[in-house]
């Protein structure tokens, strides 16, 4: 199984507001950058979309290390919150509906294909790939700003 390094970030102006995401995929010495955005979204949706879009680019099952500054994404997966929400028809422990169900369902399908490990890094703290993803996300966010 190929090992892929993935770096992701999302950005949003207002929450909700214009948003963008950036993803870097690295396999050995090869790298590709991807980005996109939406006119009306949230920061968490952009963080999730960055991971989803990166995983969707993989043409075969891979071992993937995702490095992100999103505690929402990392904790929801590694602390298994999302699996609990799904089991309870997307209700959280407080009885409220989970947010971003459409994206969680898409991500969970991709996590069944790939062996994914999530690593959290502090945002805006000098991590080179996180800073690059942030720049990609901000460019996209700004292109959707009104």
N, C-alpha and C. Protein backbone atom coordinates (compact mmCIF):
# COMPACT_ATOMS: atom_id res chain seq x y z
N UNK A 1 0.85 -1.18 0.00
CA UNK A 1 0.00 0.00 0.00
C UNK A 1 0.89 1.24 0.00
N UNK A 2 0.64 2.15 -0.92
CA UNK A 2 1.41 3.39 -0.99
C UNK A 2 1.11 4.25 0.24
N UNK A 3 2.17 4.94 0.73
CA UNK A 3 1.96 5.87 1.83
C UNK A 3 1.94 7.30 1.29
N UNK A 4 0.88 8.01 1.58
CA UNK A 4 0.67 9.38 1.13
C UNK A 4 0.68 10.30 2.34
N UNK A 5 1.37 11.42 2.21
CA UNK A 5 1.27 12.47 3.21
C UNK A 5 0.29 13.50 2.67
N UNK A 6 -0.67 13.90 3.50
CA UNK A 6 -1.64 14.90 3.10
C UNK A 6 -1.62 16.02 4.13
N UNK A 7 -1.63 17.25 3.64
CA UNK A 7 -1.67 18.43 4.49
C UNK A 7 -2.88 19.23 4.05
N UNK A 8 -3.67 19.73 5.01
CA UNK A 8 -4.91 20.40 4.66
C UNK A 8 -5.14 21.63 5.53
N UNK A 9 -5.93 22.55 4.99
CA UNK A 9 -6.39 23.69 5.77
C UNK A 9 -7.63 24.26 5.12
N UNK A 10 -8.44 24.92 5.93
CA UNK A 10 -9.62 25.62 5.46
C UNK A 10 -9.61 27.04 6.00
N UNK A 11 -10.32 27.92 5.30
CA UNK A 11 -10.40 29.32 5.72
C UNK A 11 -11.80 29.83 5.44
N UNK A 12 -12.26 30.74 6.27
CA UNK A 12 -13.60 31.29 6.08
C UNK A 12 -13.59 32.75 6.54
N UNK A 13 -14.25 33.61 5.77
CA UNK A 13 -14.39 35.02 6.13
C UNK A 13 -15.81 35.21 6.63
N UNK A 14 -15.96 35.34 7.93
CA UNK A 14 -17.27 35.25 8.53
C UNK A 14 -17.53 33.76 8.73
N UNK A 15 -18.44 33.43 9.57
CA UNK A 15 -18.70 32.01 9.81
C UNK A 15 -20.20 31.84 10.09
N UNK A 16 -21.05 31.77 9.07
CA UNK A 16 -20.73 31.46 7.67
C UNK A 16 -20.29 32.70 6.86
N UNK A 17 -19.72 32.36 5.72
CA UNK A 17 -19.24 33.37 4.80
C UNK A 17 -18.50 32.70 3.67
N UNK A 18 -17.75 33.50 2.93
CA UNK A 18 -16.94 32.95 1.84
C UNK A 18 -15.84 32.08 2.44
N UNK A 19 -15.60 30.95 1.80
CA UNK A 19 -14.60 30.03 2.34
C UNK A 19 -13.74 29.40 1.26
N UNK A 20 -12.60 28.88 1.69
CA UNK A 20 -11.70 28.18 0.79
C UNK A 20 -10.99 27.07 1.52
N UNK A 21 -10.45 26.15 0.75
CA UNK A 21 -9.70 25.03 1.32
C UNK A 21 -8.47 24.79 0.46
N UNK A 22 -7.43 24.23 1.08
CA UNK A 22 -6.21 23.87 0.37
C UNK A 22 -5.71 22.53 0.84
N UNK A 23 -5.19 21.75 -0.09
CA UNK A 23 -4.68 20.41 0.20
C UNK A 23 -3.38 20.18 -0.56
N UNK A 24 -2.42 19.59 0.10
CA UNK A 24 -1.18 19.14 -0.53
C UNK A 24 -1.12 17.63 -0.37
N UNK A 25 -0.89 16.93 -1.46
CA UNK A 25 -0.65 15.48 -1.43
C UNK A 25 0.82 15.25 -1.77
N UNK A 26 1.48 14.40 -0.97
CA UNK A 26 2.88 14.09 -1.21
C UNK A 26 3.06 12.57 -1.22
N UNK A 27 3.70 12.10 -2.30
CA UNK A 27 4.08 10.70 -2.40
C UNK A 27 5.55 10.67 -2.79
N UNK A 28 6.41 10.31 -1.86
CA UNK A 28 7.85 10.36 -2.12
C UNK A 28 8.26 11.79 -2.44
N UNK A 29 8.86 11.99 -3.61
CA UNK A 29 9.30 13.32 -4.02
C UNK A 29 8.25 14.07 -4.83
N UNK A 30 7.10 13.47 -5.05
CA UNK A 30 6.05 14.08 -5.86
C UNK A 30 5.03 14.79 -4.98
N UNK A 31 4.67 15.99 -5.40
CA UNK A 31 3.65 16.76 -4.68
C UNK A 31 2.65 17.35 -5.65
N UNK A 32 1.41 17.43 -5.18
CA UNK A 32 0.37 18.12 -5.94
C UNK A 32 -0.42 18.97 -4.95
N UNK A 33 -0.83 20.15 -5.41
CA UNK A 33 -1.65 21.05 -4.62
C UNK A 33 -3.03 21.14 -5.25
N UNK A 34 -4.04 21.22 -4.39
CA UNK A 34 -5.43 21.36 -4.84
C UNK A 34 -6.08 22.40 -3.95
N UNK A 35 -7.06 23.10 -4.50
CA UNK A 35 -7.80 24.06 -3.68
C UNK A 35 -9.15 24.33 -4.32
N UNK A 36 -10.03 24.89 -3.52
CA UNK A 36 -11.36 25.25 -3.99
C UNK A 36 -12.05 26.09 -2.94
N UNK A 37 -13.28 26.44 -3.20
CA UNK A 37 -13.99 27.27 -2.24
C UNK A 37 -15.47 27.34 -2.51
N UNK A 38 -16.16 28.07 -1.66
CA UNK A 38 -17.60 28.26 -1.76
C UNK A 38 -17.94 29.66 -1.28
N UNK A 39 -19.03 30.20 -1.81
CA UNK A 39 -19.44 31.56 -1.46
C UNK A 39 -20.07 31.65 -0.08
N UNK A 40 -20.74 30.59 0.36
CA UNK A 40 -21.46 30.62 1.63
C UNK A 40 -21.24 29.30 2.36
N UNK A 41 -20.33 29.31 3.32
CA UNK A 41 -19.94 28.07 3.99
C UNK A 41 -19.44 28.40 5.39
N UNK A 42 -18.88 27.40 6.06
CA UNK A 42 -18.29 27.60 7.38
C UNK A 42 -16.85 27.11 7.39
N UNK A 43 -16.11 27.53 8.39
CA UNK A 43 -14.73 27.09 8.50
C UNK A 43 -14.64 25.57 8.64
N UNK A 44 -15.49 24.98 9.49
CA UNK A 44 -15.43 23.53 9.66
C UNK A 44 -15.73 22.79 8.36
N UNK A 45 -16.67 23.29 7.57
CA UNK A 45 -16.97 22.65 6.29
C UNK A 45 -15.76 22.71 5.36
N UNK A 46 -15.05 23.81 5.38
CA UNK A 46 -13.87 23.94 4.52
C UNK A 46 -12.74 23.03 5.01
N UNK A 47 -12.57 22.92 6.33
CA UNK A 47 -11.56 22.00 6.87
C UNK A 47 -11.87 20.56 6.45
N UNK A 48 -13.13 20.18 6.54
CA UNK A 48 -13.54 18.82 6.15
C UNK A 48 -13.38 18.61 4.65
N UNK A 49 -13.77 19.60 3.87
CA UNK A 49 -13.71 19.49 2.42
C UNK A 49 -12.26 19.30 1.96
N UNK A 50 -11.33 19.96 2.61
CA UNK A 50 -9.91 19.81 2.25
C UNK A 50 -9.47 18.36 2.38
N UNK A 51 -9.89 17.70 3.46
CA UNK A 51 -9.54 16.29 3.67
C UNK A 51 -10.26 15.41 2.64
N UNK A 52 -11.55 15.62 2.47
CA UNK A 52 -12.35 14.82 1.55
C UNK A 52 -11.80 14.91 0.13
N UNK A 53 -11.54 16.13 -0.32
CA UNK A 53 -11.06 16.30 -1.70
C UNK A 53 -9.69 15.66 -1.90
N UNK A 54 -8.85 15.73 -0.88
CA UNK A 54 -7.55 15.06 -0.98
C UNK A 54 -7.70 13.55 -1.10
N UNK A 55 -8.55 12.97 -0.25
CA UNK A 55 -8.77 11.52 -0.31
C UNK A 55 -9.40 11.10 -1.62
N UNK A 56 -10.27 11.92 -2.17
CA UNK A 56 -10.93 11.60 -3.44
C UNK A 56 -9.95 11.57 -4.62
N UNK A 57 -8.83 12.26 -4.49
CA UNK A 57 -7.83 12.28 -5.57
C UNK A 57 -7.04 10.97 -5.66
N UNK A 58 -7.05 10.17 -4.61
CA UNK A 58 -6.26 8.93 -4.60
C UNK A 58 -6.94 7.88 -5.47
N UNK A 59 -6.17 7.26 -6.35
CA UNK A 59 -6.72 6.33 -7.33
C UNK A 59 -6.78 4.88 -6.86
N UNK A 60 -6.22 4.62 -5.68
CA UNK A 60 -6.22 3.27 -5.12
C UNK A 60 -6.18 3.39 -3.60
N UNK A 61 -6.52 2.33 -2.88
CA UNK A 61 -6.43 2.39 -1.42
C UNK A 61 -4.99 2.68 -0.99
N UNK A 62 -4.85 3.63 -0.07
CA UNK A 62 -3.53 4.06 0.38
C UNK A 62 -3.50 4.19 1.90
N UNK A 63 -2.30 4.16 2.42
CA UNK A 63 -2.05 4.55 3.80
C UNK A 63 -1.79 6.06 3.75
N UNK A 64 -2.55 6.80 4.54
CA UNK A 64 -2.49 8.27 4.45
C UNK A 64 -2.28 8.87 5.84
N UNK A 65 -1.35 9.78 5.93
CA UNK A 65 -1.18 10.59 7.13
C UNK A 65 -1.68 11.98 6.79
N UNK A 66 -2.77 12.37 7.46
CA UNK A 66 -3.37 13.69 7.26
C UNK A 66 -2.89 14.60 8.38
N UNK A 67 -2.25 15.70 8.00
CA UNK A 67 -1.82 16.70 8.97
C UNK A 67 -2.70 17.93 8.77
N UNK A 68 -3.38 18.33 9.83
CA UNK A 68 -4.33 19.43 9.75
C UNK A 68 -4.31 20.23 11.04
N UNK A 69 -4.76 21.48 10.97
CA UNK A 69 -4.87 22.29 12.18
C UNK A 69 -6.31 22.30 12.71
N UNK A 70 -7.16 21.41 12.18
CA UNK A 70 -8.55 21.36 12.59
C UNK A 70 -8.77 20.36 13.72
N UNK A 71 -8.96 20.90 14.94
CA UNK A 71 -9.30 20.03 16.07
C UNK A 71 -10.65 19.37 15.83
N UNK A 72 -11.56 20.07 15.17
CA UNK A 72 -12.88 19.54 14.85
C UNK A 72 -12.76 18.24 14.06
N UNK A 73 -11.95 18.24 13.01
CA UNK A 73 -11.78 17.04 12.19
C UNK A 73 -11.03 15.97 12.98
N UNK A 74 -9.90 16.32 13.54
CA UNK A 74 -9.06 15.34 14.22
C UNK A 74 -9.80 14.70 15.39
N UNK A 75 -10.38 15.52 16.26
CA UNK A 75 -11.05 14.97 17.44
C UNK A 75 -12.29 14.17 17.08
N UNK A 76 -13.04 14.63 16.10
CA UNK A 76 -14.26 13.91 15.70
C UNK A 76 -13.95 12.50 15.23
N UNK A 77 -12.80 12.33 14.58
CA UNK A 77 -12.41 11.00 14.09
C UNK A 77 -11.67 10.22 15.18
N UNK A 78 -10.60 10.80 15.72
CA UNK A 78 -9.75 10.04 16.64
C UNK A 78 -10.43 9.74 17.97
N UNK A 79 -11.33 10.62 18.40
CA UNK A 79 -12.07 10.36 19.64
C UNK A 79 -13.38 9.63 19.36
N UNK A 80 -13.57 9.30 18.08
CA UNK A 80 -14.70 8.47 17.62
C UNK A 80 -16.07 9.12 17.82
N UNK A 81 -16.09 10.45 17.97
CA UNK A 81 -17.37 11.13 18.13
C UNK A 81 -18.27 10.90 16.93
N UNK A 82 -17.70 11.00 15.72
CA UNK A 82 -18.51 10.89 14.50
C UNK A 82 -19.17 9.52 14.39
N UNK A 83 -18.49 8.49 14.85
CA UNK A 83 -19.07 7.14 14.79
C UNK A 83 -20.25 7.02 15.76
N UNK A 84 -20.12 7.67 16.90
CA UNK A 84 -21.21 7.69 17.87
C UNK A 84 -22.40 8.48 17.33
N UNK A 85 -22.12 9.63 16.70
CA UNK A 85 -23.21 10.43 16.12
C UNK A 85 -23.96 9.63 15.07
N UNK A 86 -23.20 8.96 14.22
CA UNK A 86 -23.83 8.18 13.15
C UNK A 86 -24.70 7.06 13.73
N UNK A 87 -24.18 6.38 14.73
CA UNK A 87 -24.90 5.27 15.37
C UNK A 87 -26.22 5.76 15.98
N UNK A 88 -26.22 7.01 16.45
CA UNK A 88 -27.41 7.59 17.08
C UNK A 88 -28.21 8.45 16.10
N UNK A 89 -28.18 8.08 14.80
CA UNK A 89 -28.88 8.86 13.77
C UNK A 89 -28.44 10.32 13.77
N UNK A 90 -27.14 10.53 13.91
CA UNK A 90 -26.51 11.84 13.83
C UNK A 90 -26.90 12.78 14.96
N UNK A 91 -27.27 12.21 16.10
CA UNK A 91 -27.52 13.04 17.28
C UNK A 91 -26.29 12.97 18.18
N UNK A 92 -25.95 14.13 18.72
CA UNK A 92 -24.81 14.22 19.63
C UNK A 92 -25.27 13.86 21.05
N UNK A 93 -24.32 13.78 21.96
CA UNK A 93 -24.64 13.41 23.35
C UNK A 93 -25.58 14.41 24.02
N UNK A 94 -25.59 15.65 23.54
CA UNK A 94 -26.50 16.65 24.12
C UNK A 94 -27.89 16.61 23.49
N UNK A 95 -28.11 15.67 22.58
CA UNK A 95 -29.42 15.51 21.93
C UNK A 95 -29.60 16.34 20.68
N UNK A 96 -28.67 17.27 20.42
CA UNK A 96 -28.75 18.10 19.23
C UNK A 96 -28.21 17.33 18.03
N UNK A 97 -28.67 17.72 16.85
CA UNK A 97 -28.18 17.09 15.63
C UNK A 97 -26.73 17.50 15.37
N UNK A 98 -25.95 16.57 14.89
CA UNK A 98 -24.59 16.88 14.48
C UNK A 98 -24.64 17.80 13.26
N UNK A 99 -23.62 18.59 13.10
CA UNK A 99 -23.51 19.46 11.94
C UNK A 99 -22.72 18.77 10.84
N UNK A 100 -22.91 19.20 9.62
CA UNK A 100 -22.12 18.75 8.47
C UNK A 100 -22.28 17.26 8.17
N UNK A 101 -23.47 16.75 8.39
CA UNK A 101 -23.73 15.32 8.21
C UNK A 101 -23.37 14.86 6.81
N UNK A 102 -23.70 15.66 5.79
CA UNK A 102 -23.39 15.28 4.41
C UNK A 102 -21.89 15.05 4.21
N UNK A 103 -21.08 15.92 4.79
CA UNK A 103 -19.63 15.78 4.65
C UNK A 103 -19.09 14.64 5.50
N UNK A 104 -19.65 14.44 6.69
CA UNK A 104 -19.21 13.31 7.53
C UNK A 104 -19.51 11.99 6.83
N UNK A 105 -20.68 11.87 6.21
CA UNK A 105 -21.01 10.63 5.51
C UNK A 105 -20.03 10.37 4.37
N UNK A 106 -19.68 11.43 3.64
CA UNK A 106 -18.72 11.29 2.54
C UNK A 106 -17.34 10.92 3.08
N UNK A 107 -16.92 11.57 4.16
CA UNK A 107 -15.61 11.26 4.71
C UNK A 107 -15.54 9.84 5.25
N UNK A 108 -16.59 9.39 5.94
CA UNK A 108 -16.58 8.04 6.48
C UNK A 108 -16.46 6.99 5.38
N UNK A 109 -17.09 7.21 4.25
CA UNK A 109 -16.95 6.28 3.11
C UNK A 109 -15.50 6.22 2.64
N UNK A 110 -14.85 7.37 2.58
CA UNK A 110 -13.45 7.41 2.15
C UNK A 110 -12.53 6.77 3.18
N UNK A 111 -12.86 6.91 4.46
CA UNK A 111 -12.05 6.31 5.52
C UNK A 111 -12.15 4.78 5.51
N UNK A 112 -13.20 4.25 4.90
CA UNK A 112 -13.32 2.80 4.75
C UNK A 112 -12.39 2.29 3.66
N UNK A 113 -12.05 3.14 2.70
CA UNK A 113 -11.18 2.76 1.57
C UNK A 113 -9.70 2.87 1.95
N UNK A 114 -9.37 3.94 2.64
CA UNK A 114 -7.97 4.24 2.95
C UNK A 114 -7.69 4.03 4.44
N UNK A 115 -6.44 3.72 4.74
CA UNK A 115 -5.97 3.60 6.12
C UNK A 115 -5.42 4.97 6.50
N UNK A 116 -6.22 5.74 7.24
CA UNK A 116 -5.89 7.15 7.49
C UNK A 116 -5.53 7.39 8.95
N UNK A 117 -4.45 8.10 9.15
CA UNK A 117 -3.99 8.54 10.47
C UNK A 117 -4.03 10.07 10.48
N UNK A 118 -4.63 10.65 11.51
CA UNK A 118 -4.74 12.10 11.60
C UNK A 118 -3.76 12.66 12.61
N UNK A 119 -3.10 13.75 12.23
CA UNK A 119 -2.17 14.44 13.11
C UNK A 119 -2.61 15.91 13.17
N UNK A 120 -2.73 16.42 14.40
CA UNK A 120 -3.09 17.83 14.57
C UNK A 120 -1.83 18.66 14.75
N UNK A 121 -1.79 19.82 14.08
CA UNK A 121 -0.73 20.80 14.28
C UNK A 121 -1.39 22.14 14.59
N UNK A 122 -0.71 22.95 15.36
CA UNK A 122 -1.22 24.28 15.67
C UNK A 122 -1.18 25.12 14.39
N UNK A 123 -2.29 25.78 14.09
CA UNK A 123 -2.36 26.63 12.91
C UNK A 123 -1.59 27.92 13.10
N UNK A 124 -1.11 28.47 12.00
CA UNK A 124 -0.40 29.76 11.99
C UNK A 124 0.78 29.75 12.95
N UNK A 125 1.45 28.60 13.00
CA UNK A 125 2.58 28.45 13.93
C UNK A 125 3.86 28.07 13.18
N UNK A 126 3.89 28.30 11.88
CA UNK A 126 5.11 28.08 11.12
C UNK A 126 5.29 26.71 10.52
N UNK A 127 4.30 25.83 10.62
CA UNK A 127 4.41 24.52 9.97
C UNK A 127 4.36 24.78 8.46
N UNK A 128 5.43 24.46 7.72
CA UNK A 128 5.53 24.88 6.31
C UNK A 128 4.35 24.45 5.43
N UNK A 129 3.96 23.19 5.51
CA UNK A 129 2.87 22.72 4.65
C UNK A 129 1.53 23.29 5.10
N UNK A 130 1.34 23.44 6.40
CA UNK A 130 0.09 24.04 6.89
C UNK A 130 -0.01 25.49 6.42
N UNK A 131 1.09 26.20 6.44
CA UNK A 131 1.10 27.59 5.96
C UNK A 131 0.79 27.65 4.46
N UNK A 132 1.36 26.72 3.69
CA UNK A 132 1.06 26.68 2.24
C UNK A 132 -0.41 26.39 2.00
N UNK A 133 -0.97 25.43 2.75
CA UNK A 133 -2.40 25.12 2.59
C UNK A 133 -3.26 26.31 2.98
N UNK A 134 -2.85 27.03 4.01
CA UNK A 134 -3.58 28.22 4.42
C UNK A 134 -3.57 29.26 3.30
N UNK A 135 -2.43 29.46 2.66
CA UNK A 135 -2.36 30.43 1.55
C UNK A 135 -3.29 30.00 0.41
N UNK A 136 -3.29 28.71 0.08
CA UNK A 136 -4.20 28.21 -0.97
C UNK A 136 -5.66 28.47 -0.59
N UNK A 137 -6.00 28.19 0.67
CA UNK A 137 -7.38 28.36 1.14
C UNK A 137 -7.78 29.83 1.12
N UNK A 138 -6.88 30.70 1.54
CA UNK A 138 -7.19 32.14 1.60
C UNK A 138 -7.38 32.71 0.19
N UNK A 139 -6.56 32.28 -0.76
CA UNK A 139 -6.73 32.73 -2.15
C UNK A 139 -8.12 32.36 -2.65
N UNK A 140 -8.53 31.13 -2.38
CA UNK A 140 -9.87 30.68 -2.81
C UNK A 140 -10.96 31.45 -2.06
N UNK A 141 -10.79 31.59 -0.75
CA UNK A 141 -11.78 32.32 0.05
C UNK A 141 -11.97 33.73 -0.50
N UNK A 142 -10.85 34.40 -0.77
CA UNK A 142 -10.91 35.78 -1.25
C UNK A 142 -11.57 35.86 -2.63
N UNK A 143 -11.42 34.81 -3.44
CA UNK A 143 -12.04 34.83 -4.76
C UNK A 143 -13.57 34.69 -4.67
N UNK A 144 -14.07 34.19 -3.54
CA UNK A 144 -15.51 34.03 -3.34
C UNK A 144 -16.11 35.15 -2.49
N UNK A 145 -15.25 36.01 -1.92
CA UNK A 145 -15.75 37.10 -1.08
C UNK A 145 -16.54 38.09 -1.91
N UNK A 146 -17.60 38.61 -1.30
CA UNK A 146 -18.47 39.55 -2.03
C UNK A 146 -17.98 40.97 -1.88
